[in-house]
Amino acid sequence: MTSSSFGQAVLENWQSEYLQFFLFILLTIWLMQIGSPESKELGKEGLESDEEQKVGRHAPADAPRWAKVADWRRKLYSWSLLIVMGVLFLLSWLGQSLTGWRQFNEEQSLHDAQPVSWLDFIFSAHFWEQTLQNWQSEFLAVGTFSIFAVFLRQRGSPESKPVGAPHDETGVSG
């Protein structure tokens, strides 16, 4: 569990998961998929007004303090989920690149080959083959789920519309 090989594989997986969540959060702000239970109601896509978001003068008394202020803190709090997922993606990408680089150089030394620099490693086909292979599997899974969720049903699941709901109904939780 302390080997570079283990660290590289775990961080490669984490990296693709955090990238997936980062993009899911970012894209669901604006994209609409008619018929998806994950979409907002039609006409409600986008960032929404301060009143709809309950910030500033529209914040209720029990709202988080940063939702009530009108400076950089509210902007930071307004984007905090996306920021955290982006930072976690970057940190896991960095960790995966460092552990992968160490593992690669260990393999190089076993074959009496010269070690490479970290920059050379992250620009190598070896690094990107591992990284993109993991990303494509994540996006394939999410993409197929998104399409299937429009037409297929799972009784009792919050990720599915009710069994009798029309295909084009949007923004309904099961």
N, C-alpha and C. Protein backbone atom coordinates (compact mmCIF):
# COMPACT_ATOMS: atom_id res chain seq x y z
N MET A 1 0.81 -1.21 0.00
CA MET A 1 0.00 0.00 0.00
C MET A 1 0.85 1.27 0.00
N THR A 2 2.12 1.14 0.23
CA THR A 2 2.99 2.32 0.24
C THR A 2 3.79 2.44 -1.05
N SER A 3 3.56 1.55 -2.00
CA SER A 3 4.33 1.58 -3.25
C SER A 3 3.83 2.68 -4.18
N SER A 4 4.71 3.08 -5.07
CA SER A 4 4.33 4.06 -6.10
C SER A 4 3.25 3.51 -7.01
N SER A 5 3.31 2.23 -7.27
CA SER A 5 2.31 1.61 -8.14
C SER A 5 0.91 1.73 -7.55
N PHE A 6 0.79 1.43 -6.26
CA PHE A 6 -0.50 1.54 -5.58
C PHE A 6 -0.96 3.00 -5.57
N GLY A 7 -0.08 3.91 -5.17
CA GLY A 7 -0.43 5.33 -5.11
C GLY A 7 -0.85 5.87 -6.46
N GLN A 8 -0.13 5.49 -7.49
CA GLN A 8 -0.45 5.96 -8.84
C GLN A 8 -1.83 5.48 -9.27
N ALA A 9 -2.14 4.21 -9.03
CA ALA A 9 -3.43 3.66 -9.45
C ALA A 9 -4.58 4.30 -8.67
N VAL A 10 -4.41 4.46 -7.36
CA VAL A 10 -5.47 5.06 -6.54
C VAL A 10 -5.70 6.52 -6.94
N LEU A 11 -4.62 7.28 -7.07
CA LEU A 11 -4.76 8.70 -7.40
C LEU A 11 -5.27 8.89 -8.82
N GLU A 12 -4.94 8.00 -9.72
CA GLU A 12 -5.47 8.06 -11.08
C GLU A 12 -6.99 7.91 -11.05
N ASN A 13 -7.47 7.00 -10.22
CA ASN A 13 -8.91 6.81 -10.07
C ASN A 13 -9.56 8.02 -9.43
N TRP A 14 -9.00 8.52 -8.36
CA TRP A 14 -9.56 9.70 -7.68
C TRP A 14 -9.61 10.88 -8.64
N GLN A 15 -8.53 11.05 -9.40
CA GLN A 15 -8.45 12.18 -10.32
C GLN A 15 -9.60 12.17 -11.32
N SER A 16 -9.90 11.02 -11.89
CA SER A 16 -10.99 10.97 -12.86
C SER A 16 -12.34 11.19 -12.20
N GLU A 17 -12.49 10.73 -10.96
CA GLU A 17 -13.76 10.95 -10.24
C GLU A 17 -13.96 12.43 -9.96
N TYR A 18 -12.94 13.12 -9.48
CA TYR A 18 -13.07 14.55 -9.18
C TYR A 18 -13.25 15.38 -10.44
N LEU A 19 -12.60 14.99 -11.53
CA LEU A 19 -12.82 15.69 -12.80
C LEU A 19 -14.27 15.50 -13.22
N GLN A 20 -14.77 14.28 -13.08
CA GLN A 20 -16.16 14.00 -13.45
C GLN A 20 -17.12 14.86 -12.64
N PHE A 21 -16.94 14.94 -11.32
CA PHE A 21 -17.83 15.75 -10.49
C PHE A 21 -17.68 17.23 -10.81
N PHE A 22 -16.44 17.69 -11.02
CA PHE A 22 -16.21 19.09 -11.37
C PHE A 22 -16.99 19.46 -12.62
N LEU A 23 -16.86 18.66 -13.66
CA LEU A 23 -17.57 18.95 -14.91
C LEU A 23 -19.07 18.76 -14.78
N PHE A 24 -19.51 17.77 -14.01
CA PHE A 24 -20.94 17.57 -13.78
C PHE A 24 -21.55 18.81 -13.13
N ILE A 25 -20.89 19.33 -12.11
CA ILE A 25 -21.38 20.52 -11.41
C ILE A 25 -21.39 21.72 -12.35
N LEU A 26 -20.29 21.93 -13.07
CA LEU A 26 -20.18 23.07 -13.98
C LEU A 26 -21.21 22.99 -15.10
N LEU A 27 -21.34 21.85 -15.73
CA LEU A 27 -22.23 21.74 -16.89
C LEU A 27 -23.70 21.73 -16.52
N THR A 28 -24.05 21.24 -15.33
CA THR A 28 -25.47 21.23 -14.96
C THR A 28 -26.01 22.62 -14.66
N ILE A 29 -25.15 23.60 -14.57
CA ILE A 29 -25.62 24.98 -14.40
C ILE A 29 -26.35 25.44 -15.66
N TRP A 30 -25.82 25.09 -16.82
CA TRP A 30 -26.35 25.62 -18.07
C TRP A 30 -27.00 24.59 -18.99
N LEU A 31 -26.54 23.36 -18.97
CA LEU A 31 -27.05 22.39 -19.93
C LEU A 31 -28.41 21.85 -19.50
N MET A 32 -29.23 21.58 -20.47
CA MET A 32 -30.55 20.99 -20.23
C MET A 32 -30.62 19.71 -21.03
N GLN A 33 -31.11 18.68 -20.40
CA GLN A 33 -31.36 17.43 -21.11
C GLN A 33 -32.83 17.12 -20.91
N ILE A 34 -33.59 17.43 -21.92
CA ILE A 34 -35.03 17.22 -21.82
C ILE A 34 -35.29 15.75 -21.54
N GLY A 35 -36.03 15.50 -20.50
CA GLY A 35 -36.35 14.15 -20.11
C GLY A 35 -35.47 13.60 -19.01
N SER A 36 -34.40 14.28 -18.65
CA SER A 36 -33.52 13.77 -17.61
C SER A 36 -34.02 14.16 -16.23
N PRO A 37 -34.05 13.22 -15.29
CA PRO A 37 -34.46 13.56 -13.93
C PRO A 37 -33.42 14.43 -13.24
N GLU A 38 -32.21 14.51 -13.80
CA GLU A 38 -31.14 15.31 -13.20
C GLU A 38 -31.19 16.77 -13.66
N SER A 39 -31.95 17.10 -14.68
CA SER A 39 -32.00 18.46 -15.20
C SER A 39 -32.90 19.35 -14.36
N LYS A 40 -32.60 20.65 -14.40
CA LYS A 40 -33.51 21.64 -13.81
C LYS A 40 -34.77 21.70 -14.66
N GLU A 41 -35.78 22.32 -14.12
CA GLU A 41 -37.00 22.51 -14.90
C GLU A 41 -36.68 23.39 -16.10
N LEU A 42 -37.40 23.18 -17.19
CA LEU A 42 -37.18 23.99 -18.40
C LEU A 42 -37.37 25.46 -18.08
N GLY A 43 -36.48 26.30 -18.58
CA GLY A 43 -36.53 27.73 -18.34
C GLY A 43 -35.82 28.17 -17.07
N LYS A 44 -35.33 27.23 -16.28
CA LYS A 44 -34.63 27.59 -15.04
C LYS A 44 -33.14 27.30 -15.11
N GLU A 45 -32.60 27.04 -16.32
CA GLU A 45 -31.18 26.81 -16.45
C GLU A 45 -30.41 28.10 -16.20
N GLY A 46 -29.15 27.98 -15.88
CA GLY A 46 -28.31 29.15 -15.64
C GLY A 46 -28.08 29.37 -14.15
N LEU A 47 -27.54 30.55 -13.84
CA LEU A 47 -27.11 30.84 -12.48
C LEU A 47 -28.23 31.26 -11.55
N GLU A 48 -29.38 31.67 -12.05
CA GLU A 48 -30.54 32.10 -11.28
C GLU A 48 -30.29 33.45 -10.60
N SER A 49 -31.37 34.09 -10.20
CA SER A 49 -31.29 35.41 -9.58
C SER A 49 -30.89 35.29 -8.11
N ASP A 50 -30.49 36.42 -7.52
CA ASP A 50 -30.16 36.44 -6.08
C ASP A 50 -31.37 36.03 -5.25
N GLU A 51 -32.56 36.41 -5.70
CA GLU A 51 -33.77 36.04 -4.97
C GLU A 51 -33.97 34.52 -4.99
N GLU A 52 -33.81 33.90 -6.18
CA GLU A 52 -33.97 32.45 -6.27
C GLU A 52 -32.88 31.70 -5.50
N GLN A 53 -31.69 32.30 -5.44
CA GLN A 53 -30.58 31.68 -4.72
C GLN A 53 -30.56 32.04 -3.23
N LYS A 54 -31.46 32.92 -2.82
CA LYS A 54 -31.59 33.32 -1.42
C LYS A 54 -30.28 33.87 -0.85
N VAL A 55 -29.70 34.85 -1.58
CA VAL A 55 -28.47 35.48 -1.13
C VAL A 55 -28.67 36.99 -0.99
N GLY A 56 -27.73 37.61 -0.28
CA GLY A 56 -27.81 39.05 -0.07
C GLY A 56 -29.04 39.42 0.73
N ARG A 57 -29.77 40.42 0.26
CA ARG A 57 -30.97 40.88 0.98
C ARG A 57 -32.11 39.86 0.96
N HIS A 58 -31.99 38.84 0.10
CA HIS A 58 -33.01 37.79 0.00
C HIS A 58 -32.71 36.59 0.91
N ALA A 59 -31.58 36.65 1.61
CA ALA A 59 -31.19 35.52 2.46
C ALA A 59 -32.06 35.48 3.71
N PRO A 60 -32.55 34.30 4.06
CA PRO A 60 -33.34 34.18 5.29
C PRO A 60 -32.43 34.35 6.52
N ALA A 61 -33.03 34.57 7.66
CA ALA A 61 -32.26 34.81 8.88
C ALA A 61 -31.32 33.66 9.23
N ASP A 62 -31.72 32.43 8.92
CA ASP A 62 -30.89 31.29 9.27
C ASP A 62 -29.93 30.86 8.15
N ALA A 63 -29.76 31.70 7.12
CA ALA A 63 -28.85 31.40 6.01
C ALA A 63 -27.40 31.47 6.50
N PRO A 64 -26.50 30.76 5.83
CA PRO A 64 -25.09 30.89 6.18
C PRO A 64 -24.64 32.35 6.07
N ARG A 65 -23.75 32.76 6.97
CA ARG A 65 -23.32 34.16 7.03
C ARG A 65 -22.75 34.65 5.69
N TRP A 66 -21.97 33.80 5.01
CA TRP A 66 -21.36 34.23 3.75
C TRP A 66 -22.38 34.40 2.63
N ALA A 67 -23.58 33.87 2.77
CA ALA A 67 -24.63 34.07 1.77
C ALA A 67 -25.24 35.46 1.91
N LYS A 68 -25.04 36.08 3.06
CA LYS A 68 -25.64 37.39 3.33
C LYS A 68 -24.74 38.56 2.94
N VAL A 69 -23.43 38.36 2.92
CA VAL A 69 -22.50 39.45 2.61
C VAL A 69 -22.47 39.73 1.12
N ALA A 70 -21.99 40.90 0.75
CA ALA A 70 -22.01 41.28 -0.67
C ALA A 70 -20.61 41.48 -1.23
N ASP A 71 -19.63 40.79 -0.69
CA ASP A 71 -18.26 40.97 -1.17
C ASP A 71 -17.70 39.64 -1.69
N TRP A 72 -16.38 39.53 -1.73
CA TRP A 72 -15.70 38.36 -2.27
C TRP A 72 -16.08 37.07 -1.54
N ARG A 73 -16.47 37.18 -0.27
CA ARG A 73 -16.81 35.97 0.49
C ARG A 73 -18.06 35.28 -0.08
N ARG A 74 -19.05 36.06 -0.49
CA ARG A 74 -20.24 35.44 -1.09
C ARG A 74 -19.90 34.82 -2.43
N LYS A 75 -19.08 35.50 -3.20
CA LYS A 75 -18.67 34.94 -4.49
C LYS A 75 -17.92 33.63 -4.27
N LEU A 76 -17.01 33.59 -3.31
CA LEU A 76 -16.27 32.37 -2.99
C LEU A 76 -17.23 31.28 -2.51
N TYR A 77 -18.14 31.63 -1.62
CA TYR A 77 -19.11 30.65 -1.11
C TYR A 77 -20.04 30.17 -2.22
N SER A 78 -20.41 31.08 -3.13
CA SER A 78 -21.31 30.74 -4.24
C SER A 78 -20.69 29.71 -5.19
N TRP A 79 -19.38 29.69 -5.28
CA TRP A 79 -18.68 28.78 -6.18
C TRP A 79 -17.87 27.74 -5.41
N SER A 80 -18.12 27.59 -4.11
CA SER A 80 -17.27 26.75 -3.26
C SER A 80 -17.27 25.27 -3.66
N LEU A 81 -18.40 24.73 -4.06
CA LEU A 81 -18.44 23.32 -4.44
C LEU A 81 -17.58 23.07 -5.68
N LEU A 82 -17.72 23.92 -6.68
CA LEU A 82 -16.94 23.79 -7.91
C LEU A 82 -15.45 24.00 -7.61
N ILE A 83 -15.12 24.98 -6.78
CA ILE A 83 -13.72 25.25 -6.43
C ILE A 83 -13.11 24.05 -5.73
N VAL A 84 -13.80 23.50 -4.74
CA VAL A 84 -13.25 22.36 -4.00
C VAL A 84 -13.06 21.16 -4.93
N MET A 85 -14.03 20.86 -5.78
CA MET A 85 -13.88 19.73 -6.69
C MET A 85 -12.73 19.97 -7.68
N GLY A 86 -12.57 21.20 -8.14
CA GLY A 86 -11.46 21.53 -9.03
C GLY A 86 -10.11 21.38 -8.35
N VAL A 87 -10.01 21.84 -7.11
CA VAL A 87 -8.76 21.71 -6.35
C VAL A 87 -8.46 20.24 -6.07
N LEU A 88 -9.48 19.46 -5.68
CA LEU A 88 -9.27 18.04 -5.44
C LEU A 88 -8.83 17.32 -6.72
N PHE A 89 -9.40 17.70 -7.86
CA PHE A 89 -8.96 17.13 -9.13
C PHE A 89 -7.50 17.45 -9.38
N LEU A 90 -7.13 18.73 -9.23
CA LEU A 90 -5.74 19.13 -9.50
C LEU A 90 -4.76 18.45 -8.54
N LEU A 91 -5.12 18.35 -7.27
CA LEU A 91 -4.24 17.69 -6.30
C LEU A 91 -4.09 16.20 -6.61
N SER A 92 -5.19 15.54 -6.95
CA SER A 92 -5.10 14.11 -7.27
C SER A 92 -4.36 13.90 -8.60
N TRP A 93 -4.52 14.81 -9.55
CA TRP A 93 -3.76 14.74 -10.81
C TRP A 93 -2.27 14.90 -10.52
N LEU A 94 -1.93 15.87 -9.67
CA LEU A 94 -0.52 16.08 -9.30
C LEU A 94 0.02 14.84 -8.60
N GLY A 95 -0.74 14.31 -7.63
CA GLY A 95 -0.30 13.11 -6.92
C GLY A 95 -0.14 11.93 -7.85
N GLN A 96 -1.07 11.76 -8.77
CA GLN A 96 -0.98 10.66 -9.73
C GLN A 96 0.23 10.84 -10.63
N SER A 97 0.51 12.07 -11.05
CA SER A 97 1.66 12.30 -11.92
C SER A 97 2.97 12.05 -11.17
N LEU A 98 3.05 12.44 -9.91
CA LEU A 98 4.27 12.24 -9.13
C LEU A 98 4.52 10.76 -8.82
N THR A 99 3.47 10.05 -8.41
CA THR A 99 3.65 8.63 -8.11
C THR A 99 3.88 7.83 -9.40
N GLY A 100 3.22 8.22 -10.48
CA GLY A 100 3.44 7.57 -11.76
C GLY A 100 4.84 7.82 -12.27
N TRP A 101 5.34 9.02 -12.08
CA TRP A 101 6.71 9.37 -12.48
C TRP A 101 7.72 8.52 -11.70
N ARG A 102 7.49 8.40 -10.39
CA ARG A 102 8.40 7.59 -9.57
C ARG A 102 8.37 6.14 -10.02
N GLN A 103 7.17 5.61 -10.26
CA GLN A 103 7.04 4.23 -10.72
C GLN A 103 7.72 4.05 -12.08
N PHE A 104 7.52 5.00 -12.99
CA PHE A 104 8.12 4.93 -14.32
C PHE A 104 9.64 4.89 -14.21
N ASN A 105 10.20 5.76 -13.36
CA ASN A 105 11.66 5.79 -13.21
C ASN A 105 12.20 4.53 -12.53
N GLU A 106 11.41 3.94 -11.64
CA GLU A 106 11.81 2.65 -11.05
C GLU A 106 11.90 1.58 -12.13
N GLU A 107 10.94 1.57 -13.04
CA GLU A 107 10.95 0.62 -14.15
C GLU A 107 12.11 0.92 -15.11
N GLN A 108 12.39 2.20 -15.32
CA GLN A 108 13.52 2.59 -16.17
C GLN A 108 14.82 2.02 -15.61
N SER A 109 15.01 2.15 -14.29
CA SER A 109 16.26 1.68 -13.68
C SER A 109 16.38 0.16 -13.75
N LEU A 110 15.26 -0.56 -13.69
CA LEU A 110 15.29 -2.02 -13.82
C LEU A 110 15.80 -2.46 -15.19
N HIS A 111 15.60 -1.60 -16.20
CA HIS A 111 16.01 -1.92 -17.57
C HIS A 111 17.26 -1.14 -17.98
N ASP A 112 17.97 -0.63 -16.99
CA ASP A 112 19.21 0.14 -17.23
C ASP A 112 18.99 1.33 -18.17
N ALA A 113 17.81 1.93 -18.09
CA ALA A 113 17.50 3.12 -18.88
C ALA A 113 17.62 4.35 -17.99
N GLN A 114 17.81 5.49 -18.59
CA GLN A 114 17.95 6.74 -17.85
C GLN A 114 16.60 7.20 -17.29
N PRO A 115 16.61 7.73 -16.07
CA PRO A 115 15.36 8.29 -15.54
C PRO A 115 14.97 9.55 -16.32
N VAL A 116 13.70 9.89 -16.26
CA VAL A 116 13.22 11.10 -16.95
C VAL A 116 12.78 12.12 -15.91
N SER A 117 12.76 13.37 -16.30
CA SER A 117 12.29 14.43 -15.41
C SER A 117 10.78 14.35 -15.29
N TRP A 118 10.24 14.99 -14.27
CA TRP A 118 8.79 15.01 -14.08
C TRP A 118 8.11 15.65 -15.29
N LEU A 119 8.68 16.77 -15.79
CA LEU A 119 8.07 17.42 -16.95
C LEU A 119 8.08 16.52 -18.18
N ASP A 120 9.18 15.82 -18.39
CA ASP A 120 9.22 14.89 -19.52
C ASP A 120 8.18 13.80 -19.34
N PHE A 121 8.01 13.34 -18.10
CA PHE A 121 7.03 12.28 -17.84
C PHE A 121 5.60 12.76 -18.12
N ILE A 122 5.23 13.97 -17.64
CA ILE A 122 3.84 14.41 -17.84
C ILE A 122 3.54 14.77 -19.29
N PHE A 123 4.58 14.93 -20.11
CA PHE A 123 4.35 15.16 -21.54
C PHE A 123 4.52 13.87 -22.35
N SER A 124 4.69 12.75 -21.64
CA SER A 124 4.91 11.49 -22.34
C SER A 124 3.59 10.81 -22.71
N ALA A 125 3.67 9.99 -23.73
CA ALA A 125 2.50 9.21 -24.15
C ALA A 125 2.09 8.23 -23.06
N HIS A 126 3.07 7.71 -22.32
CA HIS A 126 2.78 6.75 -21.24
C HIS A 126 1.84 7.36 -20.20
N PHE A 127 2.16 8.57 -19.75
CA PHE A 127 1.33 9.24 -18.74
C PHE A 127 -0.07 9.52 -19.26
N TRP A 128 -0.18 10.07 -20.46
CA TRP A 128 -1.48 10.45 -21.00
C TRP A 128 -2.31 9.24 -21.42
N GLU A 129 -1.65 8.15 -21.79
CA GLU A 129 -2.41 6.94 -22.10
C GLU A 129 -3.13 6.44 -20.85
N GLN A 130 -2.44 6.44 -19.72
CA GLN A 130 -3.06 6.02 -18.46
C GLN A 130 -4.17 6.98 -18.05
N THR A 131 -3.88 8.26 -18.13
CA THR A 131 -4.82 9.28 -17.68
C THR A 131 -6.08 9.30 -18.54
N LEU A 132 -5.92 9.36 -19.84
CA LEU A 132 -7.08 9.45 -20.73
C LEU A 132 -7.88 8.16 -20.78
N GLN A 133 -7.21 7.02 -20.59
CA GLN A 133 -7.93 5.75 -20.54
C GLN A 133 -8.90 5.75 -19.36
N ASN A 134 -8.48 6.29 -18.25
CA ASN A 134 -9.34 6.36 -17.07
C ASN A 134 -10.47 7.37 -17.29
N TRP A 135 -10.15 8.53 -17.85
CA TRP A 135 -11.17 9.55 -18.09
C TRP A 135 -12.25 9.02 -19.03
N GLN A 136 -11.85 8.36 -20.12
CA GLN A 136 -12.85 7.93 -21.10
C GLN A 136 -13.80 6.92 -20.48
N SER A 137 -13.32 6.07 -19.58
CA SER A 137 -14.23 5.11 -18.96
C SER A 137 -15.23 5.80 -18.05
N GLU A 138 -14.79 6.84 -17.34
CA GLU A 138 -15.69 7.59 -16.47
C GLU A 138 -16.76 8.32 -17.29
N PHE A 139 -16.34 8.98 -18.36
CA PHE A 139 -17.29 9.74 -19.17
C PHE A 139 -18.23 8.82 -19.95
N LEU A 140 -17.75 7.66 -20.32
CA LEU A 140 -18.62 6.68 -20.97
C LEU A 140 -19.72 6.26 -20.00
N ALA A 141 -19.34 5.98 -18.75
CA ALA A 141 -20.33 5.56 -17.75
C ALA A 141 -21.35 6.66 -17.48
N VAL A 142 -20.89 7.88 -17.28
CA VAL A 142 -21.80 9.00 -16.99
C VAL A 142 -22.66 9.32 -18.21
N GLY A 143 -22.05 9.30 -19.38
CA GLY A 143 -22.81 9.59 -20.61
C GLY A 143 -23.91 8.59 -20.86
N THR A 144 -23.60 7.31 -20.70
CA THR A 144 -24.64 6.31 -20.92
C THR A 144 -25.72 6.40 -19.85
N PHE A 145 -25.33 6.69 -18.61
CA PHE A 145 -26.34 6.86 -17.56
C PHE A 145 -27.26 8.03 -17.90
N SER A 146 -26.69 9.13 -18.36
CA SER A 146 -27.49 10.32 -18.69
C SER A 146 -28.50 10.03 -19.78
N ILE A 147 -28.10 9.29 -20.79
CA ILE A 147 -29.01 8.95 -21.88
C ILE A 147 -30.06 7.94 -21.41
N PHE A 148 -29.62 6.90 -20.71
CA PHE A 148 -30.55 5.88 -20.24
C PHE A 148 -31.57 6.44 -19.26
N ALA A 149 -31.17 7.45 -18.46
CA ALA A 149 -32.08 8.02 -17.45
C ALA A 149 -33.27 8.73 -18.09
N VAL A 150 -33.15 9.12 -19.35
CA VAL A 150 -34.27 9.76 -20.04
C VAL A 150 -35.35 8.73 -20.37
N PHE A 151 -34.94 7.54 -20.78
CA PHE A 151 -35.89 6.56 -21.30
C PHE A 151 -36.20 5.39 -20.36
N LEU A 152 -35.26 5.04 -19.51
CA LEU A 152 -35.46 3.88 -18.64
C LEU A 152 -35.87 4.32 -17.25
N ARG A 153 -36.41 3.43 -16.45
CA ARG A 153 -36.91 3.76 -15.11
C ARG A 153 -36.38 2.77 -14.08
N GLN A 154 -36.23 3.25 -12.85
CA GLN A 154 -35.93 2.39 -11.72
C GLN A 154 -36.85 2.78 -10.59
N ARG A 155 -37.82 1.98 -10.34
CA ARG A 155 -38.82 2.28 -9.32
C ARG A 155 -38.16 2.58 -7.97
N GLY A 156 -38.53 3.72 -7.37
CA GLY A 156 -38.04 4.09 -6.05
C GLY A 156 -36.71 4.81 -6.04
N SER A 157 -36.04 4.96 -7.17
CA SER A 157 -34.73 5.61 -7.19
C SER A 157 -34.87 7.12 -7.35
N PRO A 158 -34.14 7.94 -6.57
CA PRO A 158 -34.20 9.38 -6.75
C PRO A 158 -33.54 9.83 -8.06
N GLU A 159 -32.77 8.93 -8.71
CA GLU A 159 -32.14 9.26 -9.99
C GLU A 159 -33.04 8.92 -11.16
N SER A 160 -34.25 8.48 -10.89
CA SER A 160 -35.16 8.08 -11.96
C SER A 160 -36.49 8.80 -11.79
N LYS A 161 -37.11 9.08 -12.93
CA LYS A 161 -38.47 9.62 -12.89
C LYS A 161 -39.41 8.50 -12.45
N PRO A 162 -40.61 8.87 -12.00
CA PRO A 162 -41.60 7.82 -11.70
C PRO A 162 -41.83 6.97 -12.95
N VAL A 163 -42.17 5.73 -12.74
CA VAL A 163 -42.32 4.77 -13.84
C VAL A 163 -43.31 5.27 -14.89
N GLY A 164 -44.39 5.94 -14.49
CA GLY A 164 -45.40 6.39 -15.44
C GLY A 164 -45.17 7.77 -16.00
N ALA A 165 -44.09 8.47 -15.63
CA ALA A 165 -43.83 9.83 -16.12
C ALA A 165 -43.45 9.81 -17.59
N PRO A 166 -43.90 10.81 -18.37
CA PRO A 166 -43.54 10.87 -19.78
C PRO A 166 -42.02 11.06 -19.95
N HIS A 167 -41.48 10.61 -21.09
CA HIS A 167 -40.04 10.72 -21.36
C HIS A 167 -39.56 12.15 -21.34
N ASP A 168 -40.37 13.10 -21.79
CA ASP A 168 -39.90 14.47 -21.92
C ASP A 168 -40.09 15.30 -20.65
N GLU A 169 -40.58 14.71 -19.57
CA GLU A 169 -40.73 15.42 -18.32
C GLU A 169 -39.34 15.66 -17.73
N THR A 170 -39.09 16.88 -17.28
CA THR A 170 -37.77 17.27 -16.79
C THR A 170 -37.87 17.82 -15.37
N GLY A 171 -36.80 17.62 -14.60
CA GLY A 171 -36.73 18.21 -13.28
C GLY A 171 -37.58 17.53 -12.25
N VAL A 172 -37.92 16.29 -12.47
CA VAL A 172 -38.76 15.54 -11.54
C VAL A 172 -37.88 14.56 -10.80
N SER A 173 -37.98 14.54 -9.48
CA SER A 173 -37.25 13.51 -8.75
C SER A 173 -38.21 12.40 -8.38
N GLY A 174 -37.71 11.16 -8.41
CA GLY A 174 -38.53 9.99 -8.20
C GLY A 174 -38.87 9.82 -6.80
